[in-house]
Amino acid sequence: LLLPARAAATDMLVGLGVGADDYMTKPFSMRELAARVHVLLRRVERAALAATTPRSGILRLGELEIDHAQRRVRVKSEDVHLTPTEFDLLVCLANTPRAVLSREQLLAEVWDWADASGTRTVDSHIKALRRKIGAERIRTVHGVGYALETPTP
């Protein structure tokens, strides 16, 4: 969780791009800070539980492979380094390929935020994910959300 004094969009994108899970600019309320820290801690607990609960197999969507047990992603047989949040976001989209998920759905599922309207956190993480797995794999439905594109059978 980054807490910088600078609020420029480029600073936020760089921070999220290097692995931060969240970004709050000053000034902010202590209640919001506490809530976001709580969300991050829940995500760590959920990841630890997922690591001890093996899922079977590897999900293959064309040239994209997602290994839940090892939390690894490969594109065209090449390993792709994803942050924990990017991995969770990709898995969320991959669970229902081609289905459009709204920002609010993604925030609730990946970040465990019940009410986070107006935040651009999802957009920043989608941008980083596109850069890593290929822009053509994530479709934007303007005003609605995002969908993971997969090859047609």
Protein backbone atom coordinates (compact mmCIF):
# COMPACT_ATOMS: atom_id res chain seq x y z
CA LEU A 1 0.00 0.00 0.00
CA LEU A 2 1.66 3.19 -1.19
CA LEU A 3 0.93 6.45 0.64
CA PRO A 4 2.70 9.13 -1.44
CA ALA A 5 2.24 12.86 -1.38
CA ARG A 6 2.11 12.93 -5.18
CA ALA A 7 -1.25 12.33 -6.85
CA ALA A 8 -0.23 12.31 -10.53
CA ALA A 9 -1.69 9.45 -12.56
CA THR A 10 1.76 8.48 -13.83
CA ASP A 11 3.06 8.11 -10.27
CA MET A 12 0.12 5.85 -9.42
CA LEU A 13 0.66 3.73 -12.54
CA VAL A 14 4.37 3.36 -11.78
CA GLY A 15 3.62 2.39 -8.17
CA LEU A 16 1.06 -0.21 -9.18
CA GLY A 17 3.30 -1.39 -11.99
CA VAL A 18 6.16 -2.20 -9.63
CA GLY A 19 3.93 -4.37 -7.47
CA ALA A 20 1.90 -2.22 -5.09
CA ASP A 21 -1.59 -3.54 -4.44
CA ASP A 22 -3.12 -0.17 -3.66
CA TYR A 23 -2.31 3.53 -3.82
CA MET A 24 -3.74 6.29 -1.61
CA THR A 25 -2.79 9.93 -2.02
CA LYS A 26 -2.71 12.41 0.81
CA PRO A 27 -4.85 13.67 2.39
CA PHE A 28 -6.87 10.61 3.40
CA SER A 29 -8.95 9.63 6.38
CA MET A 30 -7.55 7.23 8.94
CA ARG A 31 -10.74 5.16 8.65
CA GLU A 32 -10.15 4.66 4.92
CA LEU A 33 -6.50 3.75 5.56
CA ALA A 34 -7.54 1.22 8.22
CA ALA A 35 -10.16 -0.27 5.87
CA ARG A 36 -7.66 -0.66 3.03
CA VAL A 37 -5.07 -2.26 5.32
CA HIS A 38 -7.77 -4.63 6.55
CA VAL A 39 -8.58 -5.57 2.93
CA LEU A 40 -4.89 -6.24 2.20
CA LEU A 41 -4.61 -8.45 5.26
CA ARG A 42 -7.73 -10.41 4.24
CA ARG A 43 -6.22 -10.92 0.79
CA VAL A 44 -3.02 -12.29 2.34
CA GLU A 45 -5.07 -14.68 4.48
CA ARG A 46 -7.09 -15.76 1.44
CA ALA A 47 -3.91 -16.35 -0.58
CA ALA A 48 -2.45 -18.44 2.25
CA LEU A 49 -5.64 -20.51 2.35
CA ALA A 50 -5.57 -20.92 -1.43
CA ALA A 51 -1.97 -22.09 -1.24
CA THR A 52 -2.93 -24.85 1.20
CA THR A 53 -6.02 -25.84 -0.80
CA PRO A 54 -4.74 -27.39 -4.02
CA ARG A 55 -6.83 -26.92 -7.13
CA SER A 56 -6.62 -29.54 -9.78
CA GLY A 57 -4.89 -28.98 -13.06
CA ILE A 58 -3.95 -26.05 -15.19
CA LEU A 59 -6.51 -23.82 -16.85
CA ARG A 60 -5.66 -23.45 -20.54
CA LEU A 61 -7.26 -20.72 -22.59
CA GLY A 62 -5.55 -20.82 -25.95
CA GLU A 63 -1.90 -19.84 -25.45
CA LEU A 64 -2.63 -18.69 -21.89
CA GLU A 65 -2.04 -21.18 -19.06
CA ILE A 66 -2.95 -20.53 -15.43
CA ASP A 67 -1.61 -22.90 -12.78
CA HIS A 68 -3.65 -22.27 -9.61
CA ALA A 69 -1.58 -24.50 -7.34
CA GLN A 70 1.72 -22.83 -8.21
CA ARG A 71 0.18 -19.40 -8.91
CA ARG A 72 2.04 -19.32 -12.24
CA VAL A 73 1.01 -17.95 -15.61
CA ARG A 74 2.48 -18.80 -18.99
CA VAL A 75 1.81 -17.23 -22.37
CA LYS A 76 3.07 -19.12 -25.42
CA SER A 77 5.00 -21.43 -23.03
CA GLU A 78 6.85 -18.43 -21.51
CA ASP A 79 6.54 -17.63 -17.79
CA VAL A 80 4.88 -14.30 -17.04
CA HIS A 81 5.61 -12.58 -13.74
CA LEU A 82 2.41 -11.26 -12.16
CA THR A 83 1.92 -9.54 -8.83
CA PRO A 84 -0.45 -11.34 -6.44
CA THR A 85 -3.22 -8.88 -7.30
CA GLU A 86 -2.69 -9.27 -11.04
CA PHE A 87 -2.83 -13.05 -10.67
CA ASP A 88 -6.08 -12.85 -8.67
CA LEU A 89 -7.55 -10.45 -11.23
CA LEU A 90 -6.62 -12.76 -14.11
CA VAL A 91 -8.10 -15.79 -12.32
CA CYS A 92 -11.30 -13.86 -11.65
CA LEU A 93 -11.64 -13.00 -15.34
CA ALA A 94 -10.61 -16.52 -16.41
CA ASN A 95 -13.25 -18.17 -14.23
CA THR A 96 -15.88 -16.83 -16.64
CA PRO A 97 -14.13 -16.32 -19.98
CA ARG A 98 -15.79 -13.89 -22.39
CA ALA A 99 -18.23 -12.77 -19.65
CA VAL A 100 -18.07 -9.07 -18.89
CA LEU A 101 -17.34 -8.27 -15.25
CA SER A 102 -17.96 -4.77 -13.97
CA ARG A 103 -15.36 -2.80 -12.02
CA GLU A 104 -17.57 -3.20 -8.96
CA GLN A 105 -17.66 -7.00 -9.38
CA LEU A 106 -13.90 -7.12 -9.77
CA LEU A 107 -13.35 -4.86 -6.76
CA ALA A 108 -15.61 -7.06 -4.65
CA GLU A 109 -14.04 -10.32 -5.81
CA VAL A 110 -10.34 -9.43 -6.05
CA TRP A 111 -9.97 -6.60 -3.54
CA ASP A 112 -12.90 -7.55 -1.28
CA TRP A 113 -14.21 -3.98 -1.45
CA ALA A 114 -17.95 -3.87 -1.01
CA ASP A 115 -18.32 -0.20 -1.97
CA ALA A 116 -15.53 1.37 -3.99
CA SER A 117 -17.30 3.19 -6.76
CA GLY A 118 -15.23 5.73 -8.63
CA THR A 119 -11.87 4.08 -8.00
CA ARG A 120 -9.50 3.51 -10.91
CA THR A 121 -7.52 0.75 -9.20
CA VAL A 122 -9.04 -1.88 -11.49
CA ASP A 123 -8.14 0.12 -14.59
CA SER A 124 -4.51 0.45 -13.51
CA HIS A 125 -4.17 -3.27 -12.80
CA ILE A 126 -5.89 -4.17 -16.09
CA LYS A 127 -3.39 -1.96 -17.92
CA ALA A 128 -0.46 -3.76 -16.26
CA LEU A 129 -2.04 -7.16 -16.94
CA ARG A 130 -2.54 -6.30 -20.62
CA ARG A 131 1.10 -5.28 -20.89
CA LYS A 132 2.18 -8.65 -19.46
CA ILE A 133 -0.20 -11.12 -21.14
CA GLY A 134 -1.12 -9.21 -24.30
CA ALA A 135 -3.59 -6.40 -24.79
CA GLU A 136 -5.76 -8.46 -27.14
CA ARG A 137 -6.62 -10.89 -24.33
CA ILE A 138 -8.61 -8.39 -22.24
CA ARG A 139 -11.57 -6.65 -23.83
CA THR A 140 -12.95 -3.38 -22.48
CA VAL A 141 -16.69 -2.91 -22.62
CA HIS A 142 -16.94 0.84 -22.18
CA GLY A 143 -19.17 1.88 -19.33
CA VAL A 144 -19.53 -1.74 -18.16
CA GLY A 145 -16.25 -3.52 -17.41
CA TYR A 146 -13.78 -6.08 -18.72
CA ALA A 147 -13.78 -9.58 -20.20
CA LEU A 148 -11.04 -12.13 -20.83
CA GLU A 149 -11.04 -13.05 -24.49
CA THR A 150 -10.35 -16.66 -25.36
CA PRO A 151 -10.03 -18.42 -28.69
CA THR A 152 -13.27 -19.76 -30.08
CA PRO A 153 -13.43 -23.55 -30.02
